[in-house]
Amino acid sequence: MGDRIDAVSDRELGRDNSSAAMGSSNQPFAEVSTEAYFRAAVAILSTPPDAAEPDISATLLKRYYGLEGSIVVLSSEVERTAAVSLSDGRQLILKTSARREAINSFRFQSSALAALQGQGFAAPKVIRTSGGALMFEEEGISGYLQTRLEGVSLHKEIPTPDLLFRTGIALGRLDLALAQVKPPAAYRPILWHVGCWSRLMELEEYLPAGSVAKCVKTAMAEYMSFVEPQIKSLDWQVTHNDPSPFNIIVADQSLGFIDFGDGCCSPRIQDLAIAASHVVTDPTLPLGGADHLISGYAAVAPLSALEAKLLVGLIRARQSALILINYWRSSLFPADAQYIKKNVARAERGLAILAPLSTASGEAAVLAATARPSP
C-alpha cells in the first residue's frame, strides 16, 4: 500500500479547507470521495505516531497557559495526549503534535468543543491560552488544552438496555448541537470518513483468511452498490465521527463525549451507525443489542425514511472499515498492534451477527427499534 502514496499538497491535507462549503448547494460527498482525498488520508495514518518525539508538554503548558503540574502521557494513535494534574486539583488534557496536518485537526477540535457547552450532555471545555486563543501554534508544534471529563468509559460498563438508551439520547443531543457548529477544517482528510470507504478494499490483503474476510467483502459490496449511491441524499452536518465506547464517558446520570479528532462533515446518521456498530453483541436480538441505542437516539433526533433504510448497511460498512484499517495499521506498527486493534474483535463479532440481515429485514428492525418505548 505504501508505494502507492504520493506526496500530498497543503490543499489535500485540508489546510485551505473551511466551513464555507457546509450547507451549501455543493454536494458535500464530492469533497471527500476523491482519489486525492483518500491518498492524503492514507498518508496521515501511515506516519508513525508522535510518541517518538521528545515530550515538551511541561514547557508548552507553562509557556502558553502559565500553568504547572504533573504530566502523564496517555495512549494515543496519532497526536500526543497528556493528562495534567494541577496543584489545585484540576484535571486537564493537553493535546499536542509536531505534524503539520495536526494544525487543522486542532483547529477543528478546539472550535467544535468551544461551542458544545450546556447542551444536555457533557463535553470537555477548552482552556484558552494566556492570550485568549483556543489553541497554540508555533514552528514545529501545535496543540490545545481542555478539561478532563470525570467518569467511567462506556466500554467498562455493563451495557444494560437503560444505559444504551440513555447513550442514544445523549448522542442524539450531541448531533443536534453539532448541526449548529461551523468549525474550520471540517473537510480535512480523515481515512475514517465515509467518503473513503469505497476504496478501503485495497487493504483486503491484510485481513485474516476465512469468515472475517468473507463478511467484510460482502458488507463492502453492499455499501458500494446500495448505500453509497444514496449517501448524497442524507442530511450532512458536523459529526463526532468516532462515538465508540472508549470515547463515551458515563458519570452518574450524565454521559459525555471525548476525542473529537476524527470529527468532520458527514451524514448525520453516521454517528448513530458508528456508535451502534460497537454494541452489536447479542445474536438473539434483531440488531444484536444496538436496538436500545437506536431507540434512544431516535427519541430526540427522529430518523428519516432513508436513514432507517440505510442504517444497517452503514453499520456493517463501518465495522468493515474498522477491521480493514486496523489490520493494515497493525502491520505497519506491530509494536502498537494491541492498542490499534482494541476494537477489532468487537467489530468482527458484530459484523457476523448482522451478516444474515437482508436490506428489508434490517430496515424493519430499525423501524421497530425507533418505535419501541424506553426501557
Protein backbone atom coordinates (compact mmCIF):
# COMPACT_ATOMS: atom_id res chain seq x y z
CA MET A 1 0.00 0.00 0.00
CA GLY A 2 2.76 2.42 0.95
CA ASP A 3 4.31 2.60 -2.53
CA ARG A 4 1.03 3.96 -3.91
CA ILE A 5 1.03 7.06 -1.74
CA ASP A 6 2.21 10.21 -3.48
CA ALA A 7 3.32 13.43 -1.87
CA VAL A 8 0.29 15.48 -0.85
CA SER A 9 -0.20 19.22 -1.05
CA ASP A 10 -1.40 21.58 1.66
CA ARG A 11 -4.78 21.66 -0.10
CA GLU A 12 -5.06 17.85 0.16
CA LEU A 13 -4.13 17.99 3.82
CA GLY A 14 -7.06 20.31 4.40
CA ARG A 15 -5.01 23.46 5.03
CA ASP A 16 -7.20 25.52 2.70
CA ASN A 17 -10.47 23.88 3.64
CA SER A 18 -13.04 25.93 5.52
CA SER A 19 -16.55 25.58 6.80
CA ALA A 20 -17.92 27.60 3.90
CA ALA A 21 -18.97 24.52 1.91
CA MET A 22 -21.15 23.11 4.69
CA GLY A 23 -24.81 23.54 3.97
CA SER A 24 -24.11 24.97 0.50
CA SER A 25 -25.61 23.74 -2.75
CA ASN A 26 -22.39 21.84 -3.48
CA GLN A 27 -22.64 18.15 -2.71
CA PRO A 28 -20.51 17.53 0.40
CA PHE A 29 -19.79 13.96 -0.72
CA ALA A 30 -17.83 15.32 -3.67
CA GLU A 31 -15.41 16.97 -1.23
CA VAL A 32 -14.43 13.71 0.44
CA SER A 33 -14.73 10.98 -2.18
CA THR A 34 -11.84 11.87 -4.49
CA GLU A 35 -8.68 9.84 -5.05
CA ALA A 36 -6.58 12.76 -3.78
CA TYR A 37 -8.55 12.94 -0.53
CA PHE A 38 -8.14 9.19 0.02
CA ARG A 39 -4.37 9.24 -0.65
CA ALA A 40 -3.89 12.18 1.71
CA ALA A 41 -5.88 10.38 4.43
CA VAL A 42 -3.86 7.18 3.95
CA ALA A 43 -0.62 9.13 4.18
CA ILE A 44 -1.62 10.59 7.55
CA LEU A 45 -2.32 7.19 9.13
CA SER A 46 0.82 5.71 7.54
CA THR A 47 3.01 8.06 9.55
CA PRO A 48 4.33 6.80 12.91
CA PRO A 49 2.71 8.46 15.95
CA ASP A 50 4.30 11.40 17.72
CA ALA A 51 5.43 9.23 20.64
CA ALA A 52 8.98 9.18 19.31
CA GLU A 53 9.24 12.97 19.66
CA PRO A 54 10.69 14.47 22.88
CA ASP A 55 7.95 15.31 25.38
CA ILE A 56 7.86 19.06 25.95
CA SER A 57 4.36 19.13 27.43
CA ALA A 58 5.50 20.83 30.65
CA THR A 59 7.26 23.59 28.70
CA LEU A 60 4.22 24.21 26.49
CA LEU A 61 1.87 24.20 29.49
CA LYS A 62 3.93 26.89 31.18
CA ARG A 63 4.58 28.91 28.03
CA TYR A 64 1.02 29.17 26.75
CA TYR A 65 -1.10 28.80 29.89
CA GLY A 66 1.14 29.83 32.76
CA LEU A 67 0.39 26.51 34.48
CA GLU A 68 2.49 23.84 36.14
CA GLY A 69 1.54 20.34 37.20
CA SER A 70 2.33 16.66 36.99
CA ILE A 71 2.03 15.21 33.48
CA VAL A 72 1.41 11.64 32.33
CA VAL A 73 1.41 10.77 28.62
CA LEU A 74 -1.60 8.61 27.67
CA SER A 75 -2.00 6.06 24.90
CA SER A 76 -3.00 7.56 21.55
CA GLU A 77 -2.59 6.64 17.89
CA VAL A 78 -1.72 9.94 16.22
CA GLU A 79 -1.47 13.08 18.37
CA ARG A 80 0.21 13.12 21.79
CA THR A 81 -2.31 13.17 24.64
CA ALA A 82 -1.13 14.02 28.15
CA ALA A 83 -3.05 14.04 31.43
CA VAL A 84 -2.24 17.12 33.54
CA SER A 85 -2.86 17.30 37.29
CA LEU A 86 -2.64 20.80 38.76
CA SER A 87 -1.87 21.53 42.40
CA ASP A 88 -5.39 22.93 42.91
CA GLY A 89 -6.89 19.55 41.97
CA ARG A 90 -7.95 20.38 38.43
CA GLN A 91 -7.54 17.56 35.90
CA LEU A 92 -6.77 18.65 32.33
CA ILE A 93 -5.83 17.10 29.00
CA LEU A 94 -3.11 18.61 26.80
CA LYS A 95 -3.11 17.55 23.14
CA THR A 96 -0.06 18.33 21.03
CA SER A 97 1.51 17.26 17.75
CA ALA A 98 4.53 18.05 15.62
CA ARG A 99 2.69 17.19 12.40
CA ARG A 100 1.56 19.94 10.08
CA GLU A 101 -1.82 18.27 9.44
CA ALA A 102 -2.50 18.40 13.19
CA ILE A 103 -2.92 22.17 12.98
CA ASN A 104 -6.21 21.79 11.13
CA SER A 105 -7.28 18.90 13.34
CA PHE A 106 -6.72 21.01 16.46
CA ARG A 107 -8.48 23.98 14.87
CA PHE A 108 -11.49 21.77 14.25
CA GLN A 109 -11.44 20.11 17.68
CA SER A 110 -10.99 23.25 19.75
CA SER A 111 -13.61 25.22 17.78
CA ALA A 112 -16.17 22.41 17.98
CA LEU A 113 -15.65 21.87 21.71
CA ALA A 114 -15.92 25.58 22.42
CA ALA A 115 -19.47 25.51 21.03
CA LEU A 116 -20.73 22.45 22.92
CA GLN A 117 -21.20 23.57 26.49
CA GLY A 118 -24.58 23.27 28.25
CA GLN A 119 -26.30 21.18 25.59
CA GLY A 120 -27.75 18.24 27.58
CA PHE A 121 -24.59 16.13 27.51
CA ALA A 122 -21.05 16.57 28.76
CA ALA A 123 -18.05 17.55 26.65
CA PRO A 124 -14.56 18.79 27.56
CA LYS A 125 -14.22 22.55 27.94
CA VAL A 126 -11.39 24.24 26.03
CA ILE A 127 -8.98 26.23 28.21
CA ARG A 128 -7.90 29.34 26.36
CA THR A 129 -4.26 30.31 26.19
CA SER A 130 -2.93 33.24 28.19
CA GLY A 131 -3.51 35.30 25.05
CA GLY A 132 -7.14 34.21 24.75
CA ALA A 133 -6.75 31.77 21.83
CA LEU A 134 -8.44 28.37 21.57
CA MET A 135 -5.15 26.70 20.62
CA PHE A 136 -1.47 27.48 20.21
CA GLU A 137 0.69 27.13 17.15
CA GLU A 138 4.40 27.64 16.77
CA GLU A 139 7.13 26.34 14.48
CA GLY A 140 7.10 22.56 14.72
CA ILE A 141 4.35 22.14 17.35
CA SER A 142 0.68 22.90 17.91
CA GLY A 143 -1.96 21.93 20.43
CA TYR A 144 -4.71 22.87 22.84
CA LEU A 145 -5.72 22.33 26.47
CA GLN A 146 -9.07 21.04 27.72
CA THR A 147 -10.73 19.90 30.90
CA ARG A 148 -10.89 16.19 31.66
CA LEU A 149 -14.31 14.56 31.96
CA GLU A 150 -14.74 12.59 35.17
CA GLY A 151 -16.44 9.22 34.98
CA VAL A 152 -16.06 5.72 33.58
CA SER A 153 -15.54 4.87 29.94
CA LEU A 154 -18.61 3.18 28.46
CA HIS A 155 -16.58 0.14 27.42
CA LYS A 156 -16.02 -0.65 31.12
CA GLU A 157 -19.74 -0.52 31.96
CA ILE A 158 -22.32 -3.28 31.61
CA PRO A 159 -24.35 -2.29 28.53
CA THR A 160 -27.81 -2.52 30.07
CA PRO A 161 -30.84 -1.54 27.94
CA ASP A 162 -31.30 1.59 30.07
CA LEU A 163 -27.66 2.66 29.69
CA LEU A 164 -27.72 2.12 25.93
CA PHE A 165 -30.99 4.05 25.65
CA ARG A 166 -29.51 6.96 27.60
CA THR A 167 -26.39 6.78 25.45
CA GLY A 168 -28.55 7.08 22.33
CA ILE A 169 -30.34 10.10 23.79
CA ALA A 170 -27.03 11.81 24.60
CA LEU A 171 -25.67 11.06 21.12
CA GLY A 172 -28.81 12.46 19.52
CA ARG A 173 -28.43 15.63 21.54
CA LEU A 174 -24.78 15.84 20.54
CA ASP A 175 -25.67 15.65 16.85
CA LEU A 176 -28.41 18.25 17.22
CA ALA A 177 -25.85 20.57 18.83
CA LEU A 178 -23.17 19.81 16.23
CA ALA A 179 -25.62 20.69 13.46
CA GLN A 180 -25.31 24.31 14.61
CA VAL A 181 -21.49 24.30 14.68
CA LYS A 182 -19.38 25.57 11.78
CA PRO A 183 -15.75 24.81 12.73
CA PRO A 184 -12.81 25.20 10.33
CA ALA A 185 -11.24 22.24 8.51
CA ALA A 186 -14.39 20.11 8.50
CA TYR A 187 -13.27 18.55 5.20
CA ARG A 188 -9.67 17.74 6.13
CA PRO A 189 -8.51 14.23 5.11
CA ILE A 190 -9.69 11.51 7.51
CA LEU A 191 -9.45 7.86 6.48
CA TRP A 192 -12.37 7.08 8.79
CA HIS A 193 -14.60 9.32 6.69
CA VAL A 194 -17.41 7.54 4.85
CA GLY A 195 -16.12 9.09 1.63
CA CYS A 196 -13.08 6.80 1.78
CA TRP A 197 -14.91 3.54 2.30
CA SER A 198 -15.36 2.54 -1.34
CA ARG A 199 -11.56 2.48 -1.70
CA LEU A 200 -10.75 0.59 1.52
CA MET A 201 -10.87 -2.83 -0.13
CA GLU A 202 -7.35 -2.01 -1.32
CA LEU A 203 -6.43 -3.12 2.20
CA GLU A 204 -8.06 -6.53 1.79
CA GLU A 205 -4.68 -8.31 1.68
CA TYR A 206 -4.15 -7.53 5.38
CA LEU A 207 -7.27 -9.38 6.51
CA PRO A 208 -7.04 -12.85 8.03
CA ALA A 209 -8.36 -15.52 5.70
CA GLY A 210 -11.73 -17.08 6.42
CA SER A 211 -15.08 -15.83 7.67
CA VAL A 212 -13.84 -12.35 8.63
CA ALA A 213 -12.64 -11.58 5.12
CA LYS A 214 -15.85 -13.01 3.65
CA CYS A 215 -18.10 -10.87 5.87
CA VAL A 216 -16.07 -7.73 5.13
CA LYS A 217 -16.21 -8.29 1.36
CA THR A 218 -19.96 -8.84 1.47
CA ALA A 219 -20.62 -5.77 3.63
CA MET A 220 -18.43 -3.51 1.49
CA ALA A 221 -20.02 -4.77 -1.72
CA GLU A 222 -23.44 -3.90 -0.26
CA TYR A 223 -22.17 -0.48 0.75
CA MET A 224 -20.81 0.34 -2.69
CA SER A 225 -23.82 -0.96 -4.64
CA PHE A 226 -26.70 0.12 -2.40
CA VAL A 227 -25.67 2.58 0.30
CA GLU A 228 -23.07 4.84 -1.30
CA PRO A 229 -25.25 5.85 -4.29
CA GLN A 230 -27.76 7.28 -1.79
CA ILE A 231 -25.27 8.91 0.61
CA LYS A 232 -25.61 12.30 -1.06
CA SER A 233 -29.32 12.40 -0.25
CA LEU A 234 -28.79 12.14 3.51
CA ASP A 235 -28.59 15.17 5.80
CA TRP A 236 -24.94 16.22 6.17
CA GLN A 237 -23.54 18.19 9.10
CA VAL A 238 -20.59 18.26 11.51
CA THR A 239 -20.36 14.94 13.35
CA HIS A 240 -18.16 13.41 16.05
CA ASN A 241 -17.36 10.51 13.69
CA ASP A 242 -16.00 8.22 16.42
CA PRO A 243 -18.50 7.82 19.29
CA SER A 244 -17.06 4.45 20.32
CA PRO A 245 -17.41 3.10 23.89
CA PHE A 246 -13.86 4.37 24.52
CA ASN A 247 -14.95 7.93 23.69
CA ILE A 248 -18.16 7.99 25.72
CA ILE A 249 -17.93 8.77 29.44
CA VAL A 250 -20.56 7.67 31.97
CA ALA A 251 -20.82 9.83 35.11
CA ASP A 252 -23.75 9.22 37.47
CA GLN A 253 -26.82 10.15 35.37
CA SER A 254 -24.96 12.09 32.67
CA LEU A 255 -22.99 10.99 29.63
CA GLY A 256 -20.22 12.81 27.85
CA PHE A 257 -18.12 12.62 24.69
CA ILE A 258 -14.37 12.97 24.27
CA ASP A 259 -11.82 12.77 21.44
CA PHE A 260 -13.21 14.78 18.54
CA GLY A 261 -10.07 14.16 16.46
CA ASP A 262 -11.97 12.35 13.69
CA GLY A 263 -14.81 14.88 13.68
CA CYS A 264 -15.83 16.14 10.24
CA CYS A 265 -18.73 16.97 7.97
CA SER A 266 -20.56 13.73 7.14
CA PRO A 267 -24.08 12.26 7.10
CA ARG A 268 -25.70 12.96 10.47
CA ILE A 269 -26.77 9.31 10.79
CA GLN A 270 -23.11 8.32 10.61
CA ASP A 271 -22.65 8.96 14.34
CA LEU A 272 -25.51 6.59 15.15
CA ALA A 273 -24.12 3.96 12.77
CA ILE A 274 -20.70 4.15 14.41
CA ALA A 275 -21.99 4.03 17.98
CA ALA A 276 -24.37 1.18 17.12
CA SER A 277 -21.60 -0.79 15.41
CA HIS A 278 -19.80 -1.15 18.75
CA VAL A 279 -22.74 -2.54 20.75
CA VAL A 280 -23.83 -5.39 18.47
CA THR A 281 -23.09 -8.29 20.82
CA ASP A 282 -26.22 -10.41 21.25
CA PRO A 283 -27.21 -12.66 18.32
CA THR A 284 -30.64 -13.29 19.85
CA LEU A 285 -31.74 -9.67 19.35
CA PRO A 286 -32.86 -8.21 15.98
CA LEU A 287 -29.98 -5.72 15.81
CA GLY A 288 -27.66 -7.53 18.19
CA GLY A 289 -28.36 -5.18 21.11
CA ALA A 290 -28.00 -1.91 19.22
CA ASP A 291 -31.79 -1.65 19.29
CA HIS A 292 -31.88 0.26 22.59
CA LEU A 293 -29.23 2.77 21.50
CA ILE A 294 -31.08 3.40 18.23
CA SER A 295 -34.34 3.85 20.16
CA GLY A 296 -32.78 6.47 22.44
CA TYR A 297 -31.24 8.37 19.53
CA ALA A 298 -34.50 8.43 17.57
CA ALA A 299 -36.34 9.74 20.63
CA VAL A 300 -34.54 13.08 20.30
CA ALA A 301 -33.37 13.01 16.66
CA PRO A 302 -36.00 11.10 14.64
CA LEU A 303 -34.71 9.13 11.66
CA SER A 304 -35.87 9.88 8.14
CA ALA A 305 -37.17 7.03 5.96
CA LEU A 306 -33.87 6.97 4.04
CA GLU A 307 -31.80 6.94 7.22
CA ALA A 308 -33.80 3.95 8.50
CA LYS A 309 -33.27 2.16 5.19
CA LEU A 310 -29.50 2.71 5.08
CA LEU A 311 -28.59 2.41 8.76
CA VAL A 312 -27.81 -1.33 8.91
CA GLY A 313 -25.73 -1.08 5.73
CA LEU A 314 -23.80 1.81 7.26
CA ILE A 315 -23.26 -0.11 10.49
CA ARG A 316 -21.86 -3.12 8.64
CA ALA A 317 -19.69 -0.93 6.44
CA ARG A 318 -18.29 0.89 9.49
CA GLN A 319 -17.48 -2.42 11.19
CA SER A 320 -15.72 -3.49 7.98
CA ALA A 321 -13.82 -0.20 7.71
CA LEU A 322 -12.62 -0.59 11.30
CA ILE A 323 -11.44 -4.13 10.61
CA LEU A 324 -9.67 -3.20 7.36
CA ILE A 325 -7.94 -0.08 8.64
CA ASN A 326 -6.78 -1.59 11.90
CA TYR A 327 -5.38 -4.79 10.40
CA TRP A 328 -3.49 -2.63 7.92
CA ARG A 329 -2.18 -0.24 10.59
CA SER A 330 -1.22 -3.14 12.86
CA SER A 331 1.02 -4.45 10.08
CA LEU A 332 2.63 -1.00 9.80
CA PHE A 333 3.13 -0.58 13.56
CA PRO A 334 3.35 -4.08 15.09
CA ALA A 335 4.60 -2.75 18.43
CA ASP A 336 1.31 -0.87 18.84
CA ALA A 337 -0.90 -3.61 17.42
CA GLN A 338 -2.67 -4.40 20.68
CA TYR A 339 -3.77 -0.79 21.13
CA ILE A 340 -4.64 -0.30 17.46
CA LYS A 341 -6.79 -3.45 17.39
CA LYS A 342 -8.61 -2.84 20.68
CA ASN A 343 -11.98 -2.65 18.91
CA VAL A 344 -11.39 -5.23 16.17
CA ALA A 345 -12.72 -8.34 17.93
CA ARG A 346 -15.93 -6.48 18.81
CA ALA A 347 -16.33 -5.36 15.19
CA GLU A 348 -15.75 -8.86 13.86
CA ARG A 349 -18.35 -10.33 16.19
CA GLY A 350 -20.86 -7.59 15.46
CA LEU A 351 -20.42 -7.93 11.71
CA ALA A 352 -21.02 -11.69 11.94
CA ILE A 353 -24.22 -11.10 13.96
CA LEU A 354 -25.63 -8.61 11.45
CA ALA A 355 -24.50 -10.51 8.34
CA PRO A 356 -27.74 -12.55 7.94
CA LEU A 357 -29.96 -9.44 7.79
CA SER A 358 -31.35 -8.56 4.38
CA THR A 359 -31.91 -4.94 3.41
CA ALA A 360 -35.62 -5.28 4.10
CA SER A 361 -35.25 -7.10 7.42
CA GLY A 362 -32.60 -4.62 8.54
CA GLU A 363 -34.86 -1.68 7.75
CA ALA A 364 -37.76 -3.34 9.56
CA ALA A 365 -35.60 -3.94 12.63
CA VAL A 366 -34.51 -0.30 12.68
CA LEU A 367 -38.08 0.95 12.37
CA ALA A 368 -39.13 -1.38 15.19
CA ALA A 369 -36.30 -0.04 17.36
CA THR A 370 -37.30 3.58 16.73
CA ALA A 371 -40.86 2.79 17.79
CA ARG A 372 -40.00 0.94 20.99
CA PRO A 373 -40.66 2.67 24.34
CA SER A 374 -37.84 3.48 26.73
CA PRO A 375 -36.62 0.53 28.82
